Amino acid sequence: MSTEAAPAAETDLPTDPPTEPCSVVWCGGRPHVLEAGAVRPRWVGTDGRGRPETLSTAQLRRRGWSHRRAAGRRRSR
């Protein structure tokens, strides 16, 4: 196994969320949509109890985000 493959894979992951309005990302197993407000953009989604939640881009980065839903976060009903 080559040791050069690991660093290349790490650089493929985006570090900043998208900036286009209506972009969707996953954070904490839930979708969040970018709203372009008059003052500054915000990410809108729901918390673990289904209540509305807004996050700044910095908060989204700290919590971790992805373009795809993590397979391990799915709940069976």
N, C-alpha and C. Protein backbone atom coordinates (compact mmCIF):
# COMPACT_ATOMS: atom_id res chain seq x y z
N MET A 1 0.85 -1.18 0.00
CA MET A 1 0.00 0.00 0.00
C MET A 1 0.89 1.24 0.00
N SER A 2 0.56 2.19 -0.82
CA SER A 2 1.35 3.41 -0.95
C SER A 2 1.01 4.39 0.17
N THR A 3 2.03 5.06 0.71
CA THR A 3 1.79 6.05 1.76
C THR A 3 1.39 7.39 1.16
N GLU A 4 1.53 7.55 -0.15
CA GLU A 4 1.18 8.81 -0.80
C GLU A 4 -0.32 8.96 -1.02
N ALA A 5 -1.09 7.89 -0.98
CA ALA A 5 -2.53 7.95 -1.24
C ALA A 5 -3.29 8.63 -0.09
N ALA A 6 -2.86 8.46 1.15
CA ALA A 6 -3.58 9.02 2.28
C ALA A 6 -3.63 10.55 2.28
N PRO A 7 -2.52 11.26 2.09
CA PRO A 7 -2.61 12.72 2.07
C PRO A 7 -3.47 13.25 0.93
N ALA A 8 -3.45 12.60 -0.23
CA ALA A 8 -4.27 13.05 -1.35
C ALA A 8 -5.74 12.91 -1.01
N ALA A 9 -6.12 11.84 -0.32
CA ALA A 9 -7.52 11.62 0.04
C ALA A 9 -7.98 12.69 1.03
N GLU A 10 -7.12 13.09 1.95
CA GLU A 10 -7.49 14.11 2.92
C GLU A 10 -7.70 15.47 2.27
N THR A 11 -6.97 15.80 1.25
CA THR A 11 -7.11 17.10 0.61
C THR A 11 -8.35 17.16 -0.28
N ASP A 12 -8.94 16.01 -0.62
CA ASP A 12 -10.16 16.01 -1.43
C ASP A 12 -11.38 16.49 -0.64
N LEU A 13 -11.33 16.41 0.67
CA LEU A 13 -12.45 16.83 1.50
C LEU A 13 -12.52 18.35 1.58
N PRO A 14 -13.69 18.94 1.35
CA PRO A 14 -13.81 20.39 1.44
C PRO A 14 -13.72 20.86 2.89
N THR A 15 -13.12 22.02 3.10
CA THR A 15 -13.01 22.56 4.45
C THR A 15 -14.05 23.64 4.71
N ASP A 16 -14.50 24.32 3.66
CA ASP A 16 -15.49 25.38 3.81
C ASP A 16 -16.80 24.94 3.17
N PRO A 17 -17.92 25.21 3.84
CA PRO A 17 -19.22 24.88 3.24
C PRO A 17 -19.47 25.72 1.99
N PRO A 18 -20.39 25.30 1.14
CA PRO A 18 -20.70 26.06 -0.06
C PRO A 18 -21.25 27.45 0.28
N THR A 19 -21.19 28.35 -0.68
CA THR A 19 -21.65 29.72 -0.44
C THR A 19 -22.85 30.10 -1.31
N GLU A 20 -23.29 29.18 -2.16
CA GLU A 20 -24.45 29.44 -3.01
C GLU A 20 -25.73 29.32 -2.20
N PRO A 21 -26.64 30.31 -2.28
CA PRO A 21 -27.93 30.20 -1.58
C PRO A 21 -28.66 28.92 -2.00
N CYS A 22 -29.38 28.35 -1.07
CA CYS A 22 -30.16 27.11 -1.25
C CYS A 22 -29.28 25.86 -1.31
N SER A 23 -27.98 25.98 -1.01
CA SER A 23 -27.11 24.81 -0.93
C SER A 23 -27.54 23.97 0.27
N VAL A 24 -27.42 22.66 0.15
CA VAL A 24 -27.79 21.75 1.23
C VAL A 24 -26.55 20.99 1.68
N VAL A 25 -26.31 20.94 2.99
CA VAL A 25 -25.25 20.13 3.56
C VAL A 25 -25.84 19.35 4.74
N TRP A 26 -25.11 18.34 5.19
CA TRP A 26 -25.53 17.54 6.33
C TRP A 26 -24.65 17.88 7.53
N CYS A 27 -25.28 18.05 8.66
CA CYS A 27 -24.57 18.34 9.91
C CYS A 27 -25.30 17.61 11.03
N GLY A 28 -24.60 16.74 11.73
CA GLY A 28 -25.22 15.99 12.82
C GLY A 28 -26.31 15.05 12.34
N GLY A 29 -26.22 14.57 11.10
CA GLY A 29 -27.21 13.66 10.58
C GLY A 29 -28.47 14.32 10.07
N ARG A 30 -28.48 15.66 10.01
CA ARG A 30 -29.66 16.40 9.56
C ARG A 30 -29.29 17.39 8.46
N PRO A 31 -30.20 17.60 7.51
CA PRO A 31 -29.90 18.55 6.43
C PRO A 31 -30.02 19.99 6.91
N HIS A 32 -29.17 20.85 6.38
CA HIS A 32 -29.22 22.29 6.63
C HIS A 32 -29.12 23.00 5.28
N VAL A 33 -29.93 24.04 5.12
CA VAL A 33 -30.01 24.78 3.86
C VAL A 33 -29.48 26.18 4.09
N LEU A 34 -28.69 26.69 3.15
CA LEU A 34 -28.13 28.03 3.26
C LEU A 34 -29.15 29.05 2.80
N GLU A 35 -29.54 29.95 3.72
CA GLU A 35 -30.43 31.06 3.41
C GLU A 35 -29.57 32.30 3.25
N ALA A 36 -29.79 33.03 2.18
CA ALA A 36 -29.07 34.28 1.96
C ALA A 36 -29.90 35.40 2.56
N GLY A 37 -29.50 35.88 3.73
CA GLY A 37 -30.23 36.95 4.39
C GLY A 37 -29.70 38.31 3.99
N ALA A 38 -30.39 39.34 4.43
CA ALA A 38 -29.98 40.71 4.13
C ALA A 38 -28.67 41.06 4.84
N VAL A 39 -28.48 40.55 6.04
CA VAL A 39 -27.28 40.87 6.82
C VAL A 39 -26.15 39.90 6.53
N ARG A 40 -26.38 38.61 6.79
CA ARG A 40 -25.37 37.58 6.52
C ARG A 40 -26.07 36.24 6.32
N PRO A 41 -25.46 35.38 5.55
CA PRO A 41 -26.09 34.07 5.29
C PRO A 41 -26.12 33.22 6.56
N ARG A 42 -27.10 32.33 6.64
CA ARG A 42 -27.20 31.41 7.78
C ARG A 42 -27.68 30.06 7.29
N TRP A 43 -27.30 29.02 8.03
CA TRP A 43 -27.69 27.65 7.72
C TRP A 43 -28.90 27.31 8.57
N VAL A 44 -29.98 26.88 7.94
CA VAL A 44 -31.23 26.59 8.63
C VAL A 44 -31.52 25.10 8.55
N GLY A 45 -31.84 24.52 9.69
CA GLY A 45 -32.18 23.10 9.75
C GLY A 45 -32.97 22.84 11.02
N THR A 46 -32.88 21.64 11.55
CA THR A 46 -33.56 21.30 12.80
C THR A 46 -32.58 20.64 13.75
N ASP A 47 -32.90 20.74 15.05
CA ASP A 47 -32.05 20.08 16.04
C ASP A 47 -32.54 18.64 16.24
N GLY A 48 -32.02 17.96 17.23
CA GLY A 48 -32.36 16.56 17.47
C GLY A 48 -33.82 16.33 17.83
N ARG A 49 -34.51 17.38 18.26
CA ARG A 49 -35.92 17.25 18.62
C ARG A 49 -36.86 17.80 17.55
N GLY A 50 -36.30 18.17 16.41
CA GLY A 50 -37.13 18.67 15.32
C GLY A 50 -37.44 20.15 15.40
N ARG A 51 -36.81 20.86 16.32
CA ARG A 51 -37.04 22.30 16.45
C ARG A 51 -36.15 23.04 15.46
N PRO A 52 -36.63 24.19 14.94
CA PRO A 52 -35.81 24.97 14.01
C PRO A 52 -34.48 25.38 14.64
N GLU A 53 -33.44 25.34 13.85
CA GLU A 53 -32.10 25.68 14.32
C GLU A 53 -31.38 26.47 13.23
N THR A 54 -30.71 27.55 13.61
CA THR A 54 -29.90 28.29 12.65
C THR A 54 -28.45 28.25 13.11
N LEU A 55 -27.55 28.09 12.15
CA LEU A 55 -26.12 28.02 12.44
C LEU A 55 -25.39 29.01 11.54
N SER A 56 -24.34 29.59 12.07
CA SER A 56 -23.46 30.40 11.22
C SER A 56 -22.52 29.43 10.50
N THR A 57 -21.82 29.94 9.51
CA THR A 57 -20.86 29.11 8.79
C THR A 57 -19.77 28.60 9.73
N ALA A 58 -19.34 29.45 10.67
CA ALA A 58 -18.31 29.04 11.64
C ALA A 58 -18.82 27.91 12.53
N GLN A 59 -20.07 27.99 12.99
CA GLN A 59 -20.64 26.93 13.82
C GLN A 59 -20.75 25.62 13.04
N LEU A 60 -21.14 25.73 11.77
CA LEU A 60 -21.25 24.55 10.92
C LEU A 60 -19.89 23.88 10.76
N ARG A 61 -18.84 24.67 10.57
CA ARG A 61 -17.47 24.12 10.45
C ARG A 61 -17.06 23.40 11.72
N ARG A 62 -17.33 24.01 12.88
CA ARG A 62 -16.94 23.42 14.16
C ARG A 62 -17.66 22.10 14.42
N ARG A 63 -18.93 22.04 14.07
CA ARG A 63 -19.71 20.82 14.31
C ARG A 63 -19.39 19.71 13.31
N GLY A 64 -18.87 20.10 12.17
CA GLY A 64 -18.58 19.13 11.11
C GLY A 64 -19.75 19.05 10.16
N TRP A 65 -19.45 18.99 8.88
CA TRP A 65 -20.50 18.95 7.86
C TRP A 65 -20.04 18.09 6.70
N SER A 66 -20.99 17.73 5.86
CA SER A 66 -20.70 16.89 4.71
C SER A 66 -21.70 17.19 3.60
N HIS A 67 -21.32 16.86 2.37
CA HIS A 67 -22.25 16.97 1.25
C HIS A 67 -23.23 15.80 1.24
N ARG A 68 -22.88 14.73 1.96
CA ARG A 68 -23.70 13.53 1.98
C ARG A 68 -24.03 13.15 3.41
N ARG A 69 -25.18 12.53 3.57
CA ARG A 69 -25.57 12.03 4.88
C ARG A 69 -24.68 10.86 5.26
N ALA A 70 -24.19 10.86 6.49
CA ALA A 70 -23.33 9.78 6.96
C ALA A 70 -24.16 8.51 7.12
N ALA A 71 -23.67 7.40 6.62
CA ALA A 71 -24.41 6.14 6.68
C ALA A 71 -24.61 5.67 8.10
N GLY A 72 -23.68 5.96 9.00
CA GLY A 72 -23.78 5.51 10.38
C GLY A 72 -24.79 6.27 11.21
N ARG A 73 -25.31 7.36 10.72
CA ARG A 73 -26.24 8.19 11.48
C ARG A 73 -27.70 7.80 11.29
N ARG A 74 -27.99 6.90 10.36
CA ARG A 74 -29.37 6.53 10.08
C ARG A 74 -29.98 5.81 11.27
N ARG A 75 -31.25 6.13 11.52
CA ARG A 75 -31.99 5.46 12.58
C ARG A 75 -33.02 4.55 11.95
N SER A 76 -33.13 3.34 12.44
CA SER A 76 -34.18 2.46 11.95
C SER A 76 -35.40 2.65 12.81
N ARG A 77 -36.57 2.56 12.18
CA ARG A 77 -37.83 2.76 12.92
C ARG A 77 -38.63 1.49 12.98
